[in-house]
Amino acid sequence: MHELSICQGLCTQLGNLAGEHGAERIRRVEVEVGAMSNVVPELLAHAFEAMRESVPLISEAELVIREIPLVALCDGCGEEQQLEQFALSCPGCGAGPLKIIQGEDLLLRQVELEIEEEVR
């Protein structure tokens, strides 16, 4: 389950962001998981839940995972095709090659921080 090590890296990024902005807590984390990112969204969610117990910064954070479909552009017909799985040829025209244009990435899209305002 490499999702645990991915989640550890995510927590490192969140810690860096919190430090840069003087945040005491993370309230919400939104990630995008591409269909070909080799990350299983459910396992990432379980890893995040497990990390909450040992990382106070995210102890109350909501994790939102948006699954991004695999989309390819056909060199033959020029059409964008949403694919259920990787293919070498276009499901529309049968030509190829296909260029993957969406669905390979794992992105930290948005973070909501809790920042205490300084009273003067």
N, C-alpha and C. Protein backbone atom coordinates (compact mmCIF):
# COMPACT_ATOMS: atom_id res chain seq x y z
N MET A 1 0.85 -1.18 0.00
CA MET A 1 0.00 0.00 0.00
C MET A 1 0.90 1.24 0.00
N HIS A 2 1.24 1.69 -1.20
CA HIS A 2 2.09 2.88 -1.29
C HIS A 2 1.31 4.16 -0.99
N GLU A 3 0.01 4.05 -0.84
CA GLU A 3 -0.80 5.22 -0.49
C GLU A 3 -0.38 5.80 0.86
N LEU A 4 0.12 4.96 1.76
CA LEU A 4 0.57 5.46 3.06
C LEU A 4 1.78 6.38 2.89
N SER A 5 2.74 5.99 2.05
CA SER A 5 3.90 6.86 1.83
C SER A 5 3.49 8.11 1.06
N ILE A 6 2.52 8.00 0.17
CA ILE A 6 2.00 9.18 -0.53
C ILE A 6 1.36 10.13 0.48
N CYS A 7 0.61 9.57 1.41
CA CYS A 7 -0.05 10.38 2.44
C CYS A 7 0.98 11.04 3.36
N GLN A 8 2.07 10.35 3.64
CA GLN A 8 3.14 10.95 4.44
C GLN A 8 3.73 12.16 3.71
N GLY A 9 3.94 12.02 2.40
CA GLY A 9 4.43 13.14 1.59
C GLY A 9 3.44 14.29 1.57
N LEU A 10 2.16 13.94 1.49
CA LEU A 10 1.10 14.96 1.52
C LEU A 10 1.13 15.71 2.85
N CYS A 11 1.30 14.99 3.94
CA CYS A 11 1.36 15.63 5.27
C CYS A 11 2.58 16.55 5.37
N THR A 12 3.68 16.17 4.75
CA THR A 12 4.86 17.04 4.72
C THR A 12 4.55 18.33 3.98
N GLN A 13 3.89 18.21 2.83
CA GLN A 13 3.49 19.40 2.07
C GLN A 13 2.54 20.28 2.89
N LEU A 14 1.59 19.65 3.55
CA LEU A 14 0.63 20.40 4.37
C LEU A 14 1.33 21.11 5.51
N GLY A 15 2.30 20.45 6.12
CA GLY A 15 3.07 21.07 7.19
C GLY A 15 3.84 22.28 6.69
N ASN A 16 4.42 22.16 5.50
CA ASN A 16 5.14 23.29 4.91
C ASN A 16 4.21 24.46 4.64
N LEU A 17 3.04 24.16 4.07
CA LEU A 17 2.05 25.22 3.80
C LEU A 17 1.59 25.89 5.08
N ALA A 18 1.30 25.08 6.08
CA ALA A 18 0.85 25.64 7.36
C ALA A 18 1.92 26.54 7.96
N GLY A 19 3.18 26.11 7.89
CA GLY A 19 4.27 26.91 8.41
C GLY A 19 4.44 28.23 7.67
N GLU A 20 4.32 28.18 6.35
CA GLU A 20 4.45 29.39 5.53
C GLU A 20 3.39 30.43 5.86
N HIS A 21 2.20 29.96 6.24
CA HIS A 21 1.07 30.87 6.46
C HIS A 21 0.71 31.04 7.93
N GLY A 22 1.48 30.45 8.82
CA GLY A 22 1.22 30.58 10.24
C GLY A 22 -0.07 29.91 10.69
N ALA A 23 -0.43 28.82 10.02
CA ALA A 23 -1.67 28.11 10.36
C ALA A 23 -1.45 27.14 11.51
N GLU A 24 -2.46 27.02 12.33
CA GLU A 24 -2.40 26.09 13.45
C GLU A 24 -3.01 24.74 13.10
N ARG A 25 -3.93 24.75 12.15
CA ARG A 25 -4.61 23.51 11.74
C ARG A 25 -4.95 23.56 10.26
N ILE A 26 -5.13 22.37 9.73
CA ILE A 26 -5.66 22.22 8.38
C ILE A 26 -7.13 21.83 8.54
N ARG A 27 -8.01 22.52 7.88
CA ARG A 27 -9.45 22.23 7.96
C ARG A 27 -9.92 21.33 6.83
N ARG A 28 -9.40 21.57 5.62
CA ARG A 28 -9.90 20.83 4.45
C ARG A 28 -8.76 20.66 3.46
N VAL A 29 -8.67 19.47 2.88
CA VAL A 29 -7.66 19.16 1.88
C VAL A 29 -8.37 18.56 0.67
N GLU A 30 -8.12 19.13 -0.49
CA GLU A 30 -8.72 18.61 -1.72
C GLU A 30 -7.61 18.12 -2.64
N VAL A 31 -7.71 16.85 -3.03
CA VAL A 31 -6.74 16.28 -3.96
C VAL A 31 -7.47 15.72 -5.17
N GLU A 32 -6.76 15.72 -6.29
CA GLU A 32 -7.27 15.10 -7.51
C GLU A 32 -6.43 13.87 -7.78
N VAL A 33 -7.11 12.75 -7.99
CA VAL A 33 -6.45 11.47 -8.24
C VAL A 33 -6.83 11.02 -9.65
N GLY A 34 -5.84 11.02 -10.53
CA GLY A 34 -6.07 10.58 -11.90
C GLY A 34 -6.26 9.07 -11.98
N ALA A 35 -7.06 8.65 -12.94
CA ALA A 35 -7.35 7.22 -13.11
C ALA A 35 -6.09 6.40 -13.36
N MET A 36 -5.06 7.01 -13.95
CA MET A 36 -3.80 6.30 -14.20
C MET A 36 -2.67 6.78 -13.31
N SER A 37 -2.99 7.31 -12.16
CA SER A 37 -1.97 7.80 -11.23
C SER A 37 -1.39 6.68 -10.37
N ASN A 38 -1.95 5.50 -10.48
CA ASN A 38 -1.57 4.35 -9.66
C ASN A 38 -1.84 4.58 -8.18
N VAL A 39 -2.83 5.41 -7.89
CA VAL A 39 -3.26 5.65 -6.51
C VAL A 39 -4.71 5.21 -6.40
N VAL A 40 -5.00 4.39 -5.40
CA VAL A 40 -6.37 3.94 -5.16
C VAL A 40 -7.01 4.92 -4.18
N PRO A 41 -8.03 5.67 -4.64
CA PRO A 41 -8.62 6.71 -3.79
C PRO A 41 -9.06 6.21 -2.41
N GLU A 42 -9.66 5.03 -2.35
CA GLU A 42 -10.13 4.50 -1.06
C GLU A 42 -8.97 4.24 -0.11
N LEU A 43 -7.87 3.73 -0.65
CA LEU A 43 -6.70 3.47 0.20
C LEU A 43 -6.04 4.76 0.65
N LEU A 44 -6.05 5.77 -0.21
CA LEU A 44 -5.53 7.08 0.18
C LEU A 44 -6.37 7.66 1.32
N ALA A 45 -7.68 7.52 1.23
CA ALA A 45 -8.57 8.01 2.29
C ALA A 45 -8.30 7.27 3.60
N HIS A 46 -8.10 5.95 3.53
CA HIS A 46 -7.80 5.18 4.75
C HIS A 46 -6.46 5.60 5.34
N ALA A 47 -5.47 5.83 4.49
CA ALA A 47 -4.15 6.27 4.97
C ALA A 47 -4.26 7.63 5.65
N PHE A 48 -5.05 8.53 5.07
CA PHE A 48 -5.24 9.86 5.65
C PHE A 48 -5.89 9.74 7.03
N GLU A 49 -6.89 8.87 7.14
CA GLU A 49 -7.55 8.66 8.43
C GLU A 49 -6.56 8.15 9.47
N ALA A 50 -5.70 7.24 9.06
CA ALA A 50 -4.70 6.70 9.98
C ALA A 50 -3.71 7.78 10.41
N MET A 51 -3.33 8.65 9.49
CA MET A 51 -2.36 9.71 9.78
C MET A 51 -2.95 10.76 10.73
N ARG A 52 -4.26 10.93 10.71
CA ARG A 52 -4.90 11.94 11.57
C ARG A 52 -4.57 11.73 13.04
N GLU A 53 -4.42 10.47 13.43
CA GLU A 53 -4.16 10.16 14.84
C GLU A 53 -2.77 10.60 15.28
N SER A 54 -1.81 10.61 14.36
CA SER A 54 -0.43 10.93 14.74
C SER A 54 0.04 12.30 14.27
N VAL A 55 -0.79 13.00 13.48
CA VAL A 55 -0.40 14.32 12.97
C VAL A 55 -1.45 15.33 13.44
N PRO A 56 -1.19 16.04 14.53
CA PRO A 56 -2.18 16.97 15.08
C PRO A 56 -2.66 18.03 14.08
N LEU A 57 -1.80 18.43 13.17
CA LEU A 57 -2.14 19.45 12.18
C LEU A 57 -3.37 19.07 11.36
N ILE A 58 -3.54 17.77 11.09
CA ILE A 58 -4.67 17.32 10.25
C ILE A 58 -5.72 16.55 11.04
N SER A 59 -5.66 16.61 12.36
CA SER A 59 -6.54 15.78 13.19
C SER A 59 -8.02 16.01 12.94
N GLU A 60 -8.38 17.21 12.49
CA GLU A 60 -9.79 17.51 12.23
C GLU A 60 -10.05 17.80 10.75
N ALA A 61 -9.07 17.54 9.91
CA ALA A 61 -9.18 17.90 8.49
C ALA A 61 -10.11 16.97 7.73
N GLU A 62 -10.85 17.58 6.82
CA GLU A 62 -11.69 16.83 5.89
C GLU A 62 -10.86 16.59 4.63
N LEU A 63 -10.83 15.36 4.16
CA LEU A 63 -10.15 15.04 2.91
C LEU A 63 -11.19 14.86 1.82
N VAL A 64 -11.05 15.63 0.75
CA VAL A 64 -11.93 15.52 -0.41
C VAL A 64 -11.09 14.99 -1.55
N ILE A 65 -11.50 13.85 -2.10
CA ILE A 65 -10.78 13.24 -3.22
C ILE A 65 -11.65 13.33 -4.45
N ARG A 66 -11.13 13.98 -5.47
CA ARG A 66 -11.83 14.07 -6.76
C ARG A 66 -11.13 13.12 -7.72
N GLU A 67 -11.89 12.18 -8.24
CA GLU A 67 -11.33 11.22 -9.18
C GLU A 67 -11.41 11.81 -10.59
N ILE A 68 -10.27 11.85 -11.26
CA ILE A 68 -10.15 12.44 -12.59
C ILE A 68 -10.06 11.31 -13.62
N PRO A 69 -10.97 11.31 -14.60
CA PRO A 69 -10.97 10.24 -15.59
C PRO A 69 -9.78 10.34 -16.55
N LEU A 70 -9.49 9.23 -17.19
CA LEU A 70 -8.44 9.17 -18.19
C LEU A 70 -8.99 9.69 -19.51
N VAL A 71 -8.33 10.70 -20.08
CA VAL A 71 -8.74 11.28 -21.35
C VAL A 71 -7.53 11.31 -22.27
N ALA A 72 -7.74 10.88 -23.52
CA ALA A 72 -6.67 10.85 -24.51
C ALA A 72 -7.11 11.57 -25.77
N LEU A 73 -6.12 12.10 -26.49
CA LEU A 73 -6.34 12.78 -27.76
C LEU A 73 -5.81 11.87 -28.86
N CYS A 74 -6.64 11.63 -29.87
CA CYS A 74 -6.27 10.76 -30.98
C CYS A 74 -5.54 11.57 -32.05
N ASP A 75 -4.35 11.11 -32.45
CA ASP A 75 -3.63 11.76 -33.54
C ASP A 75 -4.32 11.55 -34.88
N GLY A 76 -5.09 10.47 -34.99
CA GLY A 76 -5.78 10.15 -36.25
C GLY A 76 -6.97 11.05 -36.53
N CYS A 77 -7.94 11.05 -35.63
CA CYS A 77 -9.19 11.80 -35.87
C CYS A 77 -9.24 13.12 -35.12
N GLY A 78 -8.31 13.34 -34.18
CA GLY A 78 -8.28 14.59 -33.44
C GLY A 78 -9.29 14.68 -32.32
N GLU A 79 -10.01 13.61 -32.06
CA GLU A 79 -11.04 13.61 -31.01
C GLU A 79 -10.44 13.28 -29.65
N GLU A 80 -11.02 13.90 -28.62
CA GLU A 80 -10.70 13.53 -27.25
C GLU A 80 -11.60 12.38 -26.86
N GLN A 81 -11.02 11.38 -26.25
CA GLN A 81 -11.78 10.20 -25.85
C GLN A 81 -11.57 9.95 -24.36
N GLN A 82 -12.67 9.76 -23.63
CA GLN A 82 -12.55 9.34 -22.24
C GLN A 82 -12.43 7.83 -22.25
N LEU A 83 -11.39 7.32 -21.60
CA LEU A 83 -11.10 5.89 -21.63
C LEU A 83 -11.35 5.27 -20.26
N GLU A 84 -11.85 4.05 -20.26
CA GLU A 84 -12.01 3.31 -19.01
C GLU A 84 -10.68 2.70 -18.59
N GLN A 85 -9.83 2.40 -19.56
CA GLN A 85 -8.49 1.88 -19.31
C GLN A 85 -7.59 2.33 -20.45
N PHE A 86 -6.29 2.22 -20.26
CA PHE A 86 -5.35 2.66 -21.27
C PHE A 86 -5.55 1.86 -22.56
N ALA A 87 -5.46 2.54 -23.69
CA ALA A 87 -5.59 1.89 -24.99
C ALA A 87 -4.52 2.44 -25.93
N LEU A 88 -4.09 1.61 -26.87
CA LEU A 88 -3.10 2.05 -27.85
C LEU A 88 -3.74 2.70 -29.06
N SER A 89 -4.99 2.35 -29.32
CA SER A 89 -5.68 2.93 -30.48
C SER A 89 -6.98 3.59 -30.03
N CYS A 90 -7.46 4.49 -30.87
CA CYS A 90 -8.66 5.28 -30.58
C CYS A 90 -9.90 4.40 -30.62
N PRO A 91 -10.72 4.45 -29.57
CA PRO A 91 -11.97 3.68 -29.60
C PRO A 91 -12.96 4.22 -30.62
N GLY A 92 -12.77 5.46 -31.06
CA GLY A 92 -13.67 6.06 -32.04
C GLY A 92 -13.35 5.66 -33.47
N CYS A 93 -12.07 5.85 -33.88
CA CYS A 93 -11.71 5.62 -35.28
C CYS A 93 -10.77 4.44 -35.48
N GLY A 94 -10.21 3.91 -34.40
CA GLY A 94 -9.30 2.77 -34.50
C GLY A 94 -7.86 3.15 -34.80
N ALA A 95 -7.61 4.43 -35.06
CA ALA A 95 -6.25 4.88 -35.36
C ALA A 95 -5.48 5.15 -34.07
N GLY A 96 -4.28 5.54 -34.23
CA GLY A 96 -3.46 5.89 -33.09
C GLY A 96 -2.27 6.68 -33.57
N PRO A 97 -1.37 7.01 -32.77
CA PRO A 97 -1.35 6.76 -31.33
C PRO A 97 -2.22 7.75 -30.57
N LEU A 98 -2.45 7.42 -29.32
CA LEU A 98 -3.21 8.30 -28.43
C LEU A 98 -2.24 9.04 -27.52
N LYS A 99 -2.55 10.29 -27.25
CA LYS A 99 -1.77 11.10 -26.32
C LYS A 99 -2.62 11.33 -25.08
N ILE A 100 -2.13 10.88 -23.94
CA ILE A 100 -2.86 11.08 -22.68
C ILE A 100 -2.82 12.57 -22.34
N ILE A 101 -3.99 13.18 -22.13
CA ILE A 101 -4.05 14.60 -21.79
C ILE A 101 -4.64 14.85 -20.40
N GLN A 102 -5.16 13.82 -19.77
CA GLN A 102 -5.72 13.97 -18.42
C GLN A 102 -5.79 12.61 -17.76
N GLY A 103 -5.56 12.60 -16.45
CA GLY A 103 -5.79 11.39 -15.68
C GLY A 103 -4.55 10.66 -15.20
N GLU A 104 -3.36 11.26 -15.38
CA GLU A 104 -2.13 10.62 -14.92
C GLU A 104 -1.61 11.20 -13.61
N ASP A 105 -2.18 12.30 -13.17
CA ASP A 105 -1.61 13.06 -12.06
C ASP A 105 -2.27 12.79 -10.72
N LEU A 106 -1.52 13.10 -9.69
CA LEU A 106 -2.02 13.20 -8.33
C LEU A 106 -1.69 14.62 -7.90
N LEU A 107 -2.72 15.45 -7.68
CA LEU A 107 -2.52 16.87 -7.41
C LEU A 107 -3.13 17.28 -6.08
N LEU A 108 -2.39 18.08 -5.34
CA LEU A 108 -2.95 18.76 -4.18
C LEU A 108 -3.59 20.03 -4.73
N ARG A 109 -4.90 20.05 -4.80
CA ARG A 109 -5.63 21.12 -5.49
C ARG A 109 -5.93 22.31 -4.59
N GLN A 110 -6.36 22.03 -3.35
CA GLN A 110 -6.78 23.14 -2.48
C GLN A 110 -6.61 22.73 -1.02
N VAL A 111 -6.23 23.71 -0.20
CA VAL A 111 -6.07 23.49 1.23
C VAL A 111 -6.73 24.64 1.97
N GLU A 112 -7.55 24.30 2.95
CA GLU A 112 -8.17 25.32 3.80
C GLU A 112 -7.45 25.29 5.14
N LEU A 113 -6.87 26.43 5.50
CA LEU A 113 -6.08 26.55 6.72
C LEU A 113 -6.87 27.27 7.81
N GLU A 114 -6.55 26.94 9.07
CA GLU A 114 -7.08 27.69 10.20
C GLU A 114 -5.95 28.55 10.75
N ILE A 115 -6.12 29.86 10.62
CA ILE A 115 -5.08 30.79 11.05
C ILE A 115 -5.64 31.67 12.16
N GLU A 116 -4.97 31.65 13.30
CA GLU A 116 -5.37 32.50 14.42
C GLU A 116 -4.89 33.92 14.14
N GLU A 117 -5.80 34.87 14.24
CA GLU A 117 -5.43 36.26 14.04
C GLU A 117 -4.77 36.80 15.30
N GLU A 118 -3.72 37.55 15.09
CA GLU A 118 -2.99 38.15 16.20
C GLU A 118 -3.76 39.36 16.72
N VAL A 119 -3.98 39.39 18.03
CA VAL A 119 -4.69 40.51 18.65
C VAL A 119 -3.65 41.55 19.07
N ARG A 120 -3.89 42.80 18.66
CA ARG A 120 -2.94 43.87 19.00
C ARG A 120 -3.60 44.92 19.83
